[in-house]
């Protein structure tokens, strides 16, 4: 067989031919010579590169304050065939900076503590929790307050009942 003549380029489908020659020619009423050529189809796999999906969205910046990275990803949607290549990467990195000043988020005030002095002047305190920390130099409000207090818890003395007398000695 001769080499394949591809219909387009150097791969895909094509045709090939082969030939033969007459050794002894037909004479008189002898049998006619059969065909001197034959054709056959042939094919060769064409290399194709892989194909990628579109890039996804970038992730959030890895830094909450300052420089960091964002990433995005993609996937191969069709593999390379017949020795084709698959160039490129399935991930991409971008430098990002996050300098957004955020103040902290505080919870509700708790109840006051009892006055530190039950008979006279003292202090009482209340606090509130930090729900979300401040970032990039943000501020956080007051989380504890102390106030003066005066307490006079007038209590009368209270005693127990008398016990029984012991025997005389």
N, C-alpha and C. Protein backbone atom coordinates (compact mmCIF):
# COMPACT_ATOMS: atom_id res chain seq x y z
N UNK A 1 0.84 -1.18 0.00
CA UNK A 1 0.00 0.00 0.00
C UNK A 1 0.88 1.24 0.00
N UNK A 2 0.40 2.25 -0.69
CA UNK A 2 1.10 3.54 -0.69
C UNK A 2 0.77 4.29 0.59
N UNK A 3 1.37 5.44 0.75
CA UNK A 3 1.09 6.22 1.95
C UNK A 3 -0.30 6.83 1.86
N UNK A 4 -0.84 7.17 3.01
CA UNK A 4 -2.21 7.69 3.09
C UNK A 4 -2.23 9.13 2.62
N UNK A 5 -3.17 9.46 1.77
CA UNK A 5 -3.39 10.84 1.35
C UNK A 5 -4.58 11.36 2.16
N UNK A 6 -4.27 12.16 3.22
CA UNK A 6 -5.31 12.64 4.10
C UNK A 6 -6.11 13.75 3.41
N UNK A 7 -7.38 13.77 3.68
CA UNK A 7 -8.26 14.76 3.04
C UNK A 7 -7.95 16.17 3.48
N UNK A 8 -7.46 16.33 4.71
CA UNK A 8 -7.08 17.68 5.17
C UNK A 8 -5.87 17.55 6.07
N UNK A 9 -4.76 18.03 5.66
CA UNK A 9 -3.55 18.04 6.48
C UNK A 9 -2.87 16.69 6.55
N UNK A 10 -2.36 16.39 7.78
CA UNK A 10 -1.57 15.18 7.95
C UNK A 10 -2.23 14.18 8.88
N UNK A 11 -3.54 14.31 9.10
CA UNK A 11 -4.24 13.35 9.94
C UNK A 11 -5.72 13.40 9.60
N UNK A 12 -6.46 12.55 10.24
CA UNK A 12 -7.89 12.47 9.95
C UNK A 12 -8.14 11.29 9.04
N UNK A 13 -9.11 11.42 8.15
CA UNK A 13 -9.40 10.32 7.22
C UNK A 13 -8.77 10.63 5.87
N UNK A 14 -8.49 9.55 5.13
CA UNK A 14 -7.87 9.71 3.82
C UNK A 14 -8.01 8.43 3.01
N UNK A 15 -7.31 8.39 1.92
CA UNK A 15 -7.31 7.23 1.02
C UNK A 15 -5.88 6.85 0.70
N UNK A 16 -5.72 5.55 0.42
CA UNK A 16 -4.42 5.07 -0.05
C UNK A 16 -4.68 4.12 -1.20
N UNK A 17 -3.70 3.98 -2.01
CA UNK A 17 -3.86 3.12 -3.19
C UNK A 17 -2.67 2.19 -3.30
N UNK A 18 -2.95 1.12 -4.04
CA UNK A 18 -1.86 0.22 -4.38
C UNK A 18 -2.06 -0.21 -5.84
N UNK A 19 -0.95 -0.58 -6.44
CA UNK A 19 -0.96 -0.90 -7.87
C UNK A 19 -0.24 -2.22 -8.10
N UNK A 20 -0.57 -2.77 -9.24
CA UNK A 20 0.16 -3.95 -9.68
C UNK A 20 0.36 -3.83 -11.19
N UNK A 21 1.26 -4.61 -11.66
CA UNK A 21 1.55 -4.52 -13.10
C UNK A 21 1.20 -5.84 -13.81
N UNK A 22 1.06 -5.76 -15.08
CA UNK A 22 0.72 -6.94 -15.89
C UNK A 22 2.00 -7.69 -16.18
N UNK A 23 2.00 -8.97 -15.87
CA UNK A 23 3.16 -9.81 -16.18
C UNK A 23 3.04 -10.40 -17.58
N UNK A 24 1.80 -10.84 -17.87
CA UNK A 24 1.54 -11.40 -19.22
C UNK A 24 0.26 -10.77 -19.70
N UNK A 25 0.27 -10.17 -20.86
CA UNK A 25 -0.91 -9.50 -21.40
C UNK A 25 -1.88 -10.53 -21.96
N UNK A 26 -3.14 -10.16 -21.97
CA UNK A 26 -4.21 -11.00 -22.52
C UNK A 26 -4.05 -11.05 -24.03
N UNK A 27 -4.31 -12.24 -24.58
CA UNK A 27 -4.25 -12.40 -26.03
C UNK A 27 -5.42 -13.26 -26.46
N UNK A 28 -5.83 -12.99 -27.66
CA UNK A 28 -6.93 -13.73 -28.27
C UNK A 28 -8.13 -13.73 -27.35
N UNK A 29 -8.56 -14.90 -27.02
CA UNK A 29 -9.74 -14.96 -26.18
C UNK A 29 -9.39 -15.26 -24.72
N UNK A 30 -8.25 -14.90 -24.32
CA UNK A 30 -7.84 -15.12 -22.94
C UNK A 30 -8.57 -14.16 -21.99
N UNK A 31 -8.51 -14.45 -20.77
CA UNK A 31 -9.21 -13.63 -19.77
C UNK A 31 -8.61 -12.25 -19.72
N UNK A 32 -9.49 -11.31 -19.53
CA UNK A 32 -9.04 -9.92 -19.40
C UNK A 32 -8.29 -9.77 -18.07
N UNK A 33 -7.40 -8.82 -18.04
CA UNK A 33 -6.66 -8.54 -16.79
C UNK A 33 -7.59 -7.87 -15.78
N UNK A 34 -7.48 -8.27 -14.55
CA UNK A 34 -8.27 -7.59 -13.53
C UNK A 34 -7.73 -6.17 -13.29
N UNK A 35 -8.37 -5.46 -12.41
CA UNK A 35 -7.98 -4.07 -12.12
C UNK A 35 -6.53 -4.03 -11.65
N UNK A 36 -5.84 -2.99 -12.06
CA UNK A 36 -4.44 -2.85 -11.70
C UNK A 36 -4.23 -1.94 -10.48
N UNK A 37 -5.34 -1.40 -9.94
CA UNK A 37 -5.20 -0.55 -8.75
C UNK A 37 -6.33 -0.85 -7.78
N UNK A 38 -6.03 -0.60 -6.55
CA UNK A 38 -7.01 -0.78 -5.47
C UNK A 38 -6.93 0.44 -4.57
N UNK A 39 -8.07 0.82 -4.03
CA UNK A 39 -8.12 1.98 -3.13
C UNK A 39 -8.70 1.53 -1.80
N UNK A 40 -8.16 2.07 -0.71
CA UNK A 40 -8.63 1.72 0.63
C UNK A 40 -8.65 3.00 1.46
N UNK A 41 -9.58 3.04 2.38
CA UNK A 41 -9.60 4.22 3.27
C UNK A 41 -8.59 4.00 4.39
N UNK A 42 -8.13 5.12 4.93
CA UNK A 42 -7.17 5.07 6.03
C UNK A 42 -7.46 6.25 6.95
N UNK A 43 -7.00 6.14 8.16
CA UNK A 43 -7.20 7.25 9.10
C UNK A 43 -6.08 7.27 10.11
N UNK A 44 -5.87 8.45 10.65
CA UNK A 44 -4.85 8.66 11.68
C UNK A 44 -5.44 9.69 12.65
N UNK A 45 -5.37 9.38 13.90
CA UNK A 45 -5.91 10.24 14.94
C UNK A 45 -5.21 11.60 14.91
N UNK A 46 -5.99 12.69 14.91
CA UNK A 46 -5.43 14.05 14.94
C UNK A 46 -5.24 14.50 16.39
N UNK A 47 -4.06 15.00 16.73
CA UNK A 47 -3.85 15.49 18.09
C UNK A 47 -4.77 16.69 18.37
N UNK A 48 -5.42 16.69 19.52
CA UNK A 48 -6.22 17.84 19.93
C UNK A 48 -5.80 18.25 21.34
N UNK A 49 -5.74 19.53 21.56
CA UNK A 49 -5.40 20.05 22.88
C UNK A 49 -6.61 19.94 23.79
N UNK A 50 -6.35 19.94 25.09
CA UNK A 50 -7.46 19.90 26.04
C UNK A 50 -8.20 21.24 25.99
N UNK A 51 -9.40 21.25 26.51
CA UNK A 51 -10.14 22.50 26.63
C UNK A 51 -10.45 22.73 28.10
N UNK A 52 -10.45 23.99 28.48
CA UNK A 52 -10.66 24.40 29.87
C UNK A 52 -12.02 25.05 30.04
N UNK A 53 -12.56 24.94 31.23
CA UNK A 53 -13.79 25.68 31.57
C UNK A 53 -13.40 27.15 31.76
N UNK A 54 -14.39 28.00 31.90
CA UNK A 54 -14.12 29.40 32.22
C UNK A 54 -13.58 29.48 33.64
N UNK A 55 -12.84 30.54 33.91
CA UNK A 55 -12.33 30.74 35.26
C UNK A 55 -13.48 31.01 36.22
N UNK A 56 -13.39 30.46 37.43
CA UNK A 56 -14.35 30.77 38.48
C UNK A 56 -14.06 32.14 39.07
N UNK A 57 -14.84 32.55 40.02
CA UNK A 57 -14.63 33.83 40.68
C UNK A 57 -13.44 33.74 41.63
N UNK A 58 -12.80 34.88 41.87
CA UNK A 58 -11.69 34.91 42.82
C UNK A 58 -12.21 34.70 44.24
N UNK A 59 -11.42 34.02 45.05
CA UNK A 59 -11.75 33.85 46.46
C UNK A 59 -11.56 35.20 47.16
N UNK A 60 -11.99 35.27 48.41
CA UNK A 60 -11.74 36.47 49.21
C UNK A 60 -10.23 36.59 49.44
N UNK A 61 -9.78 37.80 49.68
CA UNK A 61 -8.36 38.05 49.94
C UNK A 61 -7.95 37.30 51.21
N UNK A 62 -6.77 36.67 51.19
CA UNK A 62 -6.31 35.90 52.35
C UNK A 62 -5.91 36.80 53.51
N UNK A 63 -5.68 38.08 53.24
CA UNK A 63 -5.28 39.01 54.30
C UNK A 63 -6.48 39.81 54.77
N UNK A 64 -6.64 39.92 56.07
CA UNK A 64 -7.71 40.76 56.59
C UNK A 64 -7.24 42.20 56.72
N UNK A 65 -5.93 42.38 56.75
CA UNK A 65 -5.36 43.72 56.81
C UNK A 65 -3.97 43.65 56.20
N UNK A 66 -3.78 44.23 55.03
CA UNK A 66 -2.49 44.20 54.35
C UNK A 66 -2.57 43.44 53.04
N UNK A 67 -1.41 42.98 52.55
CA UNK A 67 -1.34 42.28 51.26
C UNK A 67 -1.56 40.79 51.45
N UNK A 68 -2.24 40.20 50.49
CA UNK A 68 -2.49 38.76 50.51
C UNK A 68 -2.73 38.26 49.10
N UNK A 69 -3.44 37.15 48.98
CA UNK A 69 -3.70 36.57 47.67
C UNK A 69 -5.17 36.22 47.53
N UNK A 70 -5.60 36.22 46.28
CA UNK A 70 -6.91 35.70 45.89
C UNK A 70 -6.64 34.60 44.88
N UNK A 71 -7.46 33.56 44.89
CA UNK A 71 -7.28 32.43 43.98
C UNK A 71 -8.56 32.23 43.16
N UNK A 72 -8.37 31.71 41.96
CA UNK A 72 -9.51 31.27 41.16
C UNK A 72 -9.12 29.97 40.48
N UNK A 73 -10.12 29.20 40.11
CA UNK A 73 -9.87 27.85 39.61
C UNK A 73 -10.69 27.58 38.34
N UNK A 74 -10.25 26.58 37.58
CA UNK A 74 -10.99 26.10 36.42
C UNK A 74 -10.71 24.62 36.26
N UNK A 75 -11.48 23.96 35.39
CA UNK A 75 -11.35 22.52 35.21
C UNK A 75 -11.19 22.18 33.74
N UNK A 76 -10.59 21.01 33.49
CA UNK A 76 -10.49 20.52 32.11
C UNK A 76 -11.86 19.97 31.73
N UNK A 77 -12.41 20.48 30.64
CA UNK A 77 -13.72 20.00 30.20
C UNK A 77 -13.59 18.92 29.13
N UNK A 78 -12.47 18.89 28.42
CA UNK A 78 -12.21 17.82 27.44
C UNK A 78 -10.71 17.54 27.47
N UNK A 79 -10.35 16.28 27.66
CA UNK A 79 -8.93 15.89 27.75
C UNK A 79 -8.27 15.97 26.37
N UNK A 80 -6.96 16.14 26.37
CA UNK A 80 -6.19 16.12 25.13
C UNK A 80 -6.25 14.71 24.55
N UNK A 81 -6.24 14.61 23.23
CA UNK A 81 -6.28 13.29 22.58
C UNK A 81 -5.15 13.17 21.58
N UNK A 82 -4.80 11.94 21.31
CA UNK A 82 -3.82 11.59 20.27
C UNK A 82 -2.51 12.35 20.40
N UNK A 83 -2.04 12.48 21.63
CA UNK A 83 -0.76 13.15 21.84
C UNK A 83 -0.85 14.66 21.86
N UNK A 84 -2.05 15.20 21.89
CA UNK A 84 -2.21 16.66 21.99
C UNK A 84 -1.77 17.14 23.36
N UNK A 85 -1.57 18.43 23.48
CA UNK A 85 -1.07 18.97 24.73
C UNK A 85 -2.19 19.59 25.56
N UNK A 86 -1.86 19.83 26.81
CA UNK A 86 -2.80 20.48 27.72
C UNK A 86 -2.01 21.55 28.45
N UNK A 87 -1.89 22.70 27.85
CA UNK A 87 -1.09 23.75 28.48
C UNK A 87 -1.99 24.63 29.33
N UNK A 88 -1.38 25.24 30.30
CA UNK A 88 -2.13 26.10 31.21
C UNK A 88 -2.22 25.46 32.57
N UNK A 89 -2.86 26.15 33.47
CA UNK A 89 -2.98 25.69 34.85
C UNK A 89 -4.44 25.72 35.27
N UNK A 90 -4.76 24.92 36.28
CA UNK A 90 -6.14 24.90 36.76
C UNK A 90 -6.36 25.93 37.87
N UNK A 91 -5.27 26.65 38.26
CA UNK A 91 -5.45 27.69 39.27
C UNK A 91 -4.68 28.94 38.90
N UNK A 92 -5.15 30.05 39.43
CA UNK A 92 -4.56 31.35 39.13
C UNK A 92 -4.53 32.13 40.44
N UNK A 93 -3.44 32.86 40.66
CA UNK A 93 -3.28 33.61 41.90
C UNK A 93 -3.13 35.09 41.57
N UNK A 94 -3.77 35.92 42.36
CA UNK A 94 -3.73 37.36 42.16
C UNK A 94 -3.35 38.01 43.50
N UNK A 95 -2.48 39.01 43.46
CA UNK A 95 -2.13 39.73 44.68
C UNK A 95 -3.27 40.69 45.01
N UNK A 96 -3.63 40.75 46.28
CA UNK A 96 -4.69 41.66 46.70
C UNK A 96 -4.26 42.36 47.98
N UNK A 97 -4.88 43.45 48.26
CA UNK A 97 -4.63 44.13 49.53
C UNK A 97 -5.96 44.52 50.14
N UNK A 98 -5.97 44.41 51.42
CA UNK A 98 -7.19 44.66 52.15
C UNK A 98 -6.86 45.62 53.28
N UNK A 99 -7.13 46.88 53.04
CA UNK A 99 -6.84 47.89 54.05
C UNK A 99 -8.13 48.58 54.50
N UNK A 100 -9.15 47.81 54.65
CA UNK A 100 -10.42 48.37 55.08
C UNK A 100 -10.44 48.42 56.61
N UNK A 101 -10.54 49.62 57.14
CA UNK A 101 -10.61 49.77 58.59
C UNK A 101 -12.00 49.40 59.05
N UNK A 102 -12.06 48.47 59.97
CA UNK A 102 -13.35 48.05 60.51
C UNK A 102 -13.30 48.15 62.03
N UNK A 103 -14.29 48.82 62.57
CA UNK A 103 -14.41 48.88 64.03
C UNK A 103 -14.97 47.57 64.52
N UNK A 104 -14.70 47.27 65.78
CA UNK A 104 -15.22 46.03 66.32
C UNK A 104 -16.73 46.13 66.52
N UNK A 105 -17.34 44.99 66.65
CA UNK A 105 -18.78 44.91 66.93
C UNK A 105 -18.92 44.45 68.37
N UNK A 106 -19.68 45.22 69.15
CA UNK A 106 -19.85 44.92 70.57
C UNK A 106 -21.23 44.37 70.85
N UNK A 107 -21.30 43.52 71.86
CA UNK A 107 -22.59 42.98 72.30
C UNK A 107 -23.27 43.94 73.27
N UNK A 108 -24.36 43.49 73.84
CA UNK A 108 -25.14 44.30 74.79
C UNK A 108 -24.46 44.35 76.15
N UNK A 109 -24.75 45.42 76.87
CA UNK A 109 -24.22 45.56 78.23
C UNK A 109 -24.83 44.50 79.13
N UNK A 110 -24.01 43.96 80.00
CA UNK A 110 -24.51 43.03 81.00
C UNK A 110 -25.04 43.78 82.21
N UNK A 111 -25.50 43.07 83.20
CA UNK A 111 -26.01 43.68 84.43
C UNK A 111 -24.86 44.22 85.26
N UNK A 112 -25.16 45.20 86.11
CA UNK A 112 -24.15 45.74 87.02
C UNK A 112 -23.81 44.73 88.11
N UNK A 113 -22.58 44.77 88.55
CA UNK A 113 -22.20 43.96 89.71
C UNK A 113 -22.78 44.64 90.95
N UNK A 114 -22.89 43.91 92.05
CA UNK A 114 -23.35 44.58 93.28
C UNK A 114 -22.34 45.64 93.71
N UNK A 115 -22.78 46.63 94.44
CA UNK A 115 -21.89 47.68 94.95
C UNK A 115 -20.82 47.02 95.82
N UNK A 116 -19.58 47.48 95.67
CA UNK A 116 -18.47 46.84 96.39
C UNK A 116 -18.54 47.05 97.90
N UNK A 117 -19.28 48.05 98.34
CA UNK A 117 -19.41 48.30 99.78
C UNK A 117 -20.89 48.27 100.13
N UNK A 118 -21.35 47.31 100.92
CA UNK A 118 -22.77 47.24 101.23
C UNK A 118 -23.24 48.32 102.20
N UNK A 119 -22.31 48.99 102.84
CA UNK A 119 -22.68 50.04 103.79
C UNK A 119 -21.83 51.27 103.54
N UNK A 120 -22.19 52.04 102.55
CA UNK A 120 -21.44 53.26 102.26
C UNK A 120 -21.12 53.36 100.79
N UNK A 121 -20.05 54.13 100.49
CA UNK A 121 -19.68 54.40 99.11
C UNK A 121 -18.79 53.28 98.58
N UNK A 122 -19.03 52.92 97.28
CA UNK A 122 -18.25 51.87 96.62
C UNK A 122 -18.38 52.04 95.11
N UNK A 123 -18.13 50.98 94.36
CA UNK A 123 -18.26 51.03 92.90
C UNK A 123 -19.04 49.81 92.42
N UNK A 124 -19.65 50.00 91.25
CA UNK A 124 -20.32 48.89 90.56
C UNK A 124 -19.85 48.91 89.11
N UNK A 125 -19.81 47.74 88.47
CA UNK A 125 -19.25 47.61 87.13
C UNK A 125 -20.20 46.80 86.25
N UNK A 126 -20.17 47.15 84.94
CA UNK A 126 -20.86 46.33 83.95
C UNK A 126 -19.94 46.18 82.74
N UNK A 127 -20.09 45.08 81.99
CA UNK A 127 -19.24 44.81 80.82
C UNK A 127 -20.10 44.37 79.65
N UNK A 128 -19.48 44.40 78.47
CA UNK A 128 -20.13 43.87 77.26
C UNK A 128 -19.08 43.15 76.42
N UNK A 129 -19.47 42.08 75.71
CA UNK A 129 -18.50 41.28 74.96
C UNK A 129 -18.17 41.89 73.59
N UNK A 130 -16.97 41.55 73.09
CA UNK A 130 -16.58 41.89 71.72
C UNK A 130 -17.05 40.75 70.83
N UNK A 131 -17.96 41.04 69.89
CA UNK A 131 -18.50 40.02 68.99
C UNK A 131 -17.54 39.81 67.81
N UNK A 132 -17.07 40.91 67.21
CA UNK A 132 -16.13 40.86 66.08
C UNK A 132 -14.99 41.83 66.36
N UNK A 133 -13.74 41.34 66.26
CA UNK A 133 -12.57 42.18 66.53
C UNK A 133 -12.41 43.27 65.46
N UNK A 134 -11.80 44.39 65.84
CA UNK A 134 -11.49 45.46 64.90
C UNK A 134 -10.36 45.02 63.99
N UNK A 135 -10.32 45.55 62.75
CA UNK A 135 -9.23 45.24 61.82
C UNK A 135 -8.63 46.52 61.27
N UNK A 136 -7.37 46.42 60.86
CA UNK A 136 -6.65 47.51 60.19
C UNK A 136 -6.73 48.82 60.95
N UNK A 137 -6.52 48.77 62.23
CA UNK A 137 -6.50 50.01 63.01
C UNK A 137 -7.87 50.51 63.43
N UNK A 138 -8.89 49.72 63.23
CA UNK A 138 -10.23 50.12 63.66
C UNK A 138 -10.29 50.19 65.18
N UNK A 139 -11.26 50.88 65.68
CA UNK A 139 -11.36 51.05 67.13
C UNK A 139 -12.44 50.15 67.70
N UNK A 140 -12.33 49.99 68.98
CA UNK A 140 -13.31 49.20 69.70
C UNK A 140 -13.79 50.07 70.85
N UNK A 141 -15.05 50.25 70.98
CA UNK A 141 -15.62 51.10 72.03
C UNK A 141 -15.35 50.54 73.42
N UNK A 142 -15.93 51.18 74.37
CA UNK A 142 -15.77 50.82 75.77
C UNK A 142 -16.42 49.47 76.04
N UNK A 143 -15.69 48.58 76.69
CA UNK A 143 -16.24 47.26 77.00
C UNK A 143 -16.49 47.08 78.50
N UNK A 144 -16.09 48.08 79.29
CA UNK A 144 -16.30 48.00 80.73
C UNK A 144 -16.59 49.40 81.27
N UNK A 145 -17.58 49.51 82.13
CA UNK A 145 -17.91 50.79 82.76
C UNK A 145 -18.00 50.58 84.26
N UNK A 146 -17.40 51.53 85.00
CA UNK A 146 -17.45 51.47 86.46
C UNK A 146 -18.04 52.78 86.97
N UNK A 147 -18.98 52.69 87.85
CA UNK A 147 -19.65 53.87 88.39
C UNK A 147 -19.58 53.84 89.92
N UNK A 148 -19.66 55.02 90.51
CA UNK A 148 -19.73 55.13 91.97
C UNK A 148 -21.11 54.69 92.42
N UNK A 149 -21.15 54.13 93.59
CA UNK A 149 -22.44 53.73 94.15
C UNK A 149 -22.38 53.91 95.66
N UNK A 150 -23.54 54.03 96.23
CA UNK A 150 -23.65 54.15 97.67
C UNK A 150 -24.74 53.20 98.09
N UNK A 151 -24.43 52.40 99.05
CA UNK A 151 -25.40 51.40 99.46
C UNK A 151 -25.52 51.41 100.98
N UNK A 152 -26.74 51.42 101.45
CA UNK A 152 -26.99 51.32 102.88
C UNK A 152 -28.04 50.26 103.04
N UNK A 153 -27.59 49.06 103.12
CA UNK A 153 -28.50 47.95 103.28
C UNK A 153 -28.80 47.82 104.77
N UNK A 154 -29.82 48.53 105.22
CA UNK A 154 -30.19 48.48 106.63
C UNK A 154 -30.75 47.10 106.92
N UNK A 155 -30.06 46.44 107.79
CA UNK A 155 -30.51 45.12 108.21
C UNK A 155 -30.56 45.09 109.71
N UNK A 156 -31.66 44.68 110.20
CA UNK A 156 -31.76 44.48 111.64
C UNK A 156 -31.07 43.19 112.00
N UNK A 157 -30.49 43.17 113.15
CA UNK A 157 -29.84 41.96 113.62
C UNK A 157 -30.91 40.90 113.85
N UNK A 158 -30.60 39.70 113.54
CA UNK A 158 -31.54 38.59 113.69
C UNK A 158 -30.80 37.47 114.40
N UNK A 159 -31.41 36.93 115.42
CA UNK A 159 -30.75 35.85 116.17
C UNK A 159 -31.65 34.63 116.15
N UNK A 160 -31.06 33.52 116.47
CA UNK A 160 -31.83 32.28 116.50
C UNK A 160 -32.58 32.17 117.82
N UNK A 161 -33.45 31.22 117.92
CA UNK A 161 -34.17 30.96 119.16
C UNK A 161 -33.20 30.42 120.19
N UNK A 162 -33.57 30.60 121.47
CA UNK A 162 -32.74 30.09 122.55
C UNK A 162 -32.71 28.58 122.50
N UNK A 163 -31.58 28.09 122.83
CA UNK A 163 -31.49 26.64 122.98
C UNK A 163 -31.93 26.26 124.39
N UNK A 164 -31.98 25.01 124.69
CA UNK A 164 -32.41 24.57 126.05
C UNK A 164 -31.25 24.69 127.01
N UNK A 165 -31.62 24.96 128.24
CA UNK A 165 -30.56 25.04 129.27
C UNK A 165 -30.02 23.65 129.51
N UNK A 166 -28.76 23.63 129.87
CA UNK A 166 -28.18 22.37 130.26
C UNK A 166 -28.54 22.05 131.71
N UNK A 167 -28.28 20.91 132.16
CA UNK A 167 -28.59 20.53 133.54
C UNK A 167 -27.70 21.27 134.54
N UNK A 168 -28.12 21.36 135.80
CA UNK A 168 -27.32 22.04 136.83
C UNK A 168 -26.20 21.09 137.29
N UNK A 169 -25.12 21.71 137.62
CA UNK A 169 -24.04 20.85 138.06
C UNK A 169 -23.72 21.07 139.50
